[in-house]
Amino acid sequence: MQFIFDSVKIHNVNVSPKNGADKFTMKDLLVWVRTNLIKERPEMFMKGDSVRPGVLVLVNDCDWEHSGQLDTNLEEKDLVVFISTLHGG
């Protein structure tokens, strides 16, 4: 999955809520990632507004399925990790 992000493994980013919004969610982050970080083949990482099946998402070491997935609220200093569980063969 690294080639999608121009072979960069770690991105330290600062993002802010949209105009007038009081919170920043995982959905907002994924829109930002698609626009600002994905260099090629976004379909390998995203499907619609979410990540593709087979991409594990951790927010502060917790599976995002336990925190609301796209509705997960993000705060300053949160750590978001994307891990591909798909392997070529």
C-alpha atoms as a PDB file:
ATOM      1  CA  MET A   1       0.000   0.000   0.000  1.00  0.00           C
ATOM      2  CA  GLN A   2       3.027   2.316   0.342  1.00  0.00           C
ATOM      3  CA  PHE A   3       3.154   3.085  -3.372  1.00  0.00           C
ATOM      4  CA  ILE A   4      -0.249   4.776  -3.044  1.00  0.00           C
ATOM      5  CA  PHE A   5       1.363   7.278  -0.677  1.00  0.00           C
ATOM      6  CA  ASP A   6       4.510   7.809  -2.776  1.00  0.00           C
ATOM      7  CA  SER A   7       6.454   5.228  -0.699  1.00  0.00           C
ATOM      8  CA  VAL A   8       6.213   7.301   2.485  1.00  0.00           C
ATOM      9  CA  LYS A   9       5.314   5.144   5.514  1.00  0.00           C
ATOM     10  CA  ILE A  10       4.632   7.815   8.130  1.00  0.00           C
ATOM     11  CA  HIS A  11       2.865  11.140   7.647  1.00  0.00           C
ATOM     12  CA  ASN A  12       2.653  13.638  10.484  1.00  0.00           C
ATOM     13  CA  VAL A  13      -0.185  15.963   9.549  1.00  0.00           C
ATOM     14  CA  ASN A  14      -2.064  18.873  11.038  1.00  0.00           C
ATOM     15  CA  VAL A  15      -5.667  19.146   9.899  1.00  0.00           C
ATOM     16  CA  SER A  16      -8.513  21.331  11.103  1.00  0.00           C
ATOM     17  CA  PRO A  17     -12.299  20.961  11.094  1.00  0.00           C
ATOM     18  CA  LYS A  18     -14.157  22.295   8.073  1.00  0.00           C
ATOM     19  CA  ASN A  19     -15.427  25.855   8.101  1.00  0.00           C
ATOM     20  CA  GLY A  20     -17.501  26.351  11.232  1.00  0.00           C
ATOM     21  CA  ALA A  21     -17.368  22.703  12.310  1.00  0.00           C
ATOM     22  CA  ASP A  22     -16.566  21.988  15.940  1.00  0.00           C
ATOM     23  CA  LYS A  23     -15.251  18.464  15.382  1.00  0.00           C
ATOM     24  CA  PHE A  24     -13.050  16.548  12.977  1.00  0.00           C
ATOM     25  CA  THR A  25     -14.044  12.967  12.171  1.00  0.00           C
ATOM     26  CA  MET A  26     -12.443  10.003  10.455  1.00  0.00           C
ATOM     27  CA  LYS A  27     -14.645  10.742   7.453  1.00  0.00           C
ATOM     28  CA  ASP A  28     -13.104  14.228   7.286  1.00  0.00           C
ATOM     29  CA  LEU A  29      -9.626  12.737   7.595  1.00  0.00           C
ATOM     30  CA  LEU A  30     -10.210  10.267   4.764  1.00  0.00           C
ATOM     31  CA  VAL A  31     -11.390  13.080   2.474  1.00  0.00           C
ATOM     32  CA  TRP A  32      -8.239  15.002   3.411  1.00  0.00           C
ATOM     33  CA  VAL A  33      -6.027  11.942   2.832  1.00  0.00           C
ATOM     34  CA  ARG A  34      -7.583  11.315  -0.596  1.00  0.00           C
ATOM     35  CA  THR A  35      -7.038  14.945  -1.615  1.00  0.00           C
ATOM     36  CA  ASN A  36      -3.609  15.550  -0.093  1.00  0.00           C
ATOM     37  CA  LEU A  37      -1.688  12.298   0.357  1.00  0.00           C
ATOM     38  CA  ILE A  38      -2.772   9.660  -2.152  1.00  0.00           C
ATOM     39  CA  LYS A  39      -0.520   9.938  -5.172  1.00  0.00           C
ATOM     40  CA  GLU A  40      -1.918   7.143  -7.356  1.00  0.00           C
ATOM     41  CA  ARG A  41      -4.646   4.503  -7.525  1.00  0.00           C
ATOM     42  CA  PRO A  42      -6.963   5.776  -4.751  1.00  0.00           C
ATOM     43  CA  GLU A  43      -9.231   2.802  -5.443  1.00  0.00           C
ATOM     44  CA  MET A  44      -6.598   0.568  -3.832  1.00  0.00           C
ATOM     45  CA  PHE A  45      -7.103   2.387  -0.518  1.00  0.00           C
ATOM     46  CA  MET A  46     -10.631   3.769  -0.579  1.00  0.00           C
ATOM     47  CA  LYS A  47     -14.054   2.571  -1.623  1.00  0.00           C
ATOM     48  CA  GLY A  48     -16.593   5.384  -1.664  1.00  0.00           C
ATOM     49  CA  ASP A  49     -16.153   7.512   1.458  1.00  0.00           C
ATOM     50  CA  SER A  50     -14.422   4.784   3.475  1.00  0.00           C
ATOM     51  CA  VAL A  51     -11.388   2.511   3.289  1.00  0.00           C
ATOM     52  CA  ARG A  52     -11.565  -0.635   1.203  1.00  0.00           C
ATOM     53  CA  PRO A  53     -12.315  -3.944   2.869  1.00  0.00           C
ATOM     54  CA  GLY A  54      -8.996  -5.397   3.989  1.00  0.00           C
ATOM     55  CA  VAL A  55      -7.639  -2.124   5.394  1.00  0.00           C
ATOM     56  CA  LEU A  56      -7.487  -2.189   9.184  1.00  0.00           C
ATOM     57  CA  VAL A  57      -7.872   1.242  10.770  1.00  0.00           C
ATOM     58  CA  LEU A  58      -6.543   1.908  14.263  1.00  0.00           C
ATOM     59  CA  VAL A  59      -7.182   5.132  16.177  1.00  0.00           C
ATOM     60  CA  ASN A  60      -4.864   5.370  19.183  1.00  0.00           C
ATOM     61  CA  ASP A  61      -4.225   1.601  18.929  1.00  0.00           C
ATOM     62  CA  CYS A  62      -7.959   0.780  18.977  1.00  0.00           C
ATOM     63  CA  ASP A  63      -9.825  -0.753  16.030  1.00  0.00           C
ATOM     64  CA  TRP A  64     -12.056   2.000  14.658  1.00  0.00           C
ATOM     65  CA  GLU A  65     -14.959  -0.455  14.546  1.00  0.00           C
ATOM     66  CA  HIS A  66     -15.148   0.007  18.328  1.00  0.00           C
ATOM     67  CA  SER A  67     -15.169   3.801  18.164  1.00  0.00           C
ATOM     68  CA  GLY A  68     -17.680   4.616  15.438  1.00  0.00           C
ATOM     69  CA  GLN A  69     -15.732   4.105  12.192  1.00  0.00           C
ATOM     70  CA  LEU A  70     -16.349   7.157   9.949  1.00  0.00           C
ATOM     71  CA  ASP A  71     -18.027   9.014  12.834  1.00  0.00           C
ATOM     72  CA  THR A  72     -15.020   8.611  15.145  1.00  0.00           C
ATOM     73  CA  ASN A  73     -14.105  12.051  16.487  1.00  0.00           C
ATOM     74  CA  LEU A  74     -10.430  12.909  16.222  1.00  0.00           C
ATOM     75  CA  GLU A  75      -8.558  15.203  18.560  1.00  0.00           C
ATOM     76  CA  GLU A  76      -5.143  16.805  18.558  1.00  0.00           C
ATOM     77  CA  LYS A  77      -2.317  14.269  18.939  1.00  0.00           C
ATOM     78  CA  ASP A  78      -4.498  11.270  17.948  1.00  0.00           C
ATOM     79  CA  LEU A  79      -2.600   8.535  16.128  1.00  0.00           C
ATOM     80  CA  VAL A  80      -4.335   6.974  13.114  1.00  0.00           C
ATOM     81  CA  VAL A  81      -2.798   3.881  11.493  1.00  0.00           C
ATOM     82  CA  PHE A  82      -3.872   2.153   8.281  1.00  0.00           C
ATOM     83  CA  ILE A  83      -2.753  -1.468   7.847  1.00  0.00           C
ATOM     84  CA  SER A  84      -3.420  -3.524   4.742  1.00  0.00           C
ATOM     85  CA  THR A  85      -4.414  -7.080   5.597  1.00  0.00           C
ATOM     86  CA  LEU A  86      -4.332  -8.109   1.922  1.00  0.00           C
ATOM     87  CA  HIS A  87      -1.252  -9.819   0.576  1.00  0.00           C
ATOM     88  CA  GLY A  88      -0.291 -10.539  -2.985  1.00  0.00           C
ATOM     89  CA  GLY A  89       0.470 -14.060  -3.937  1.00  0.00           C
END
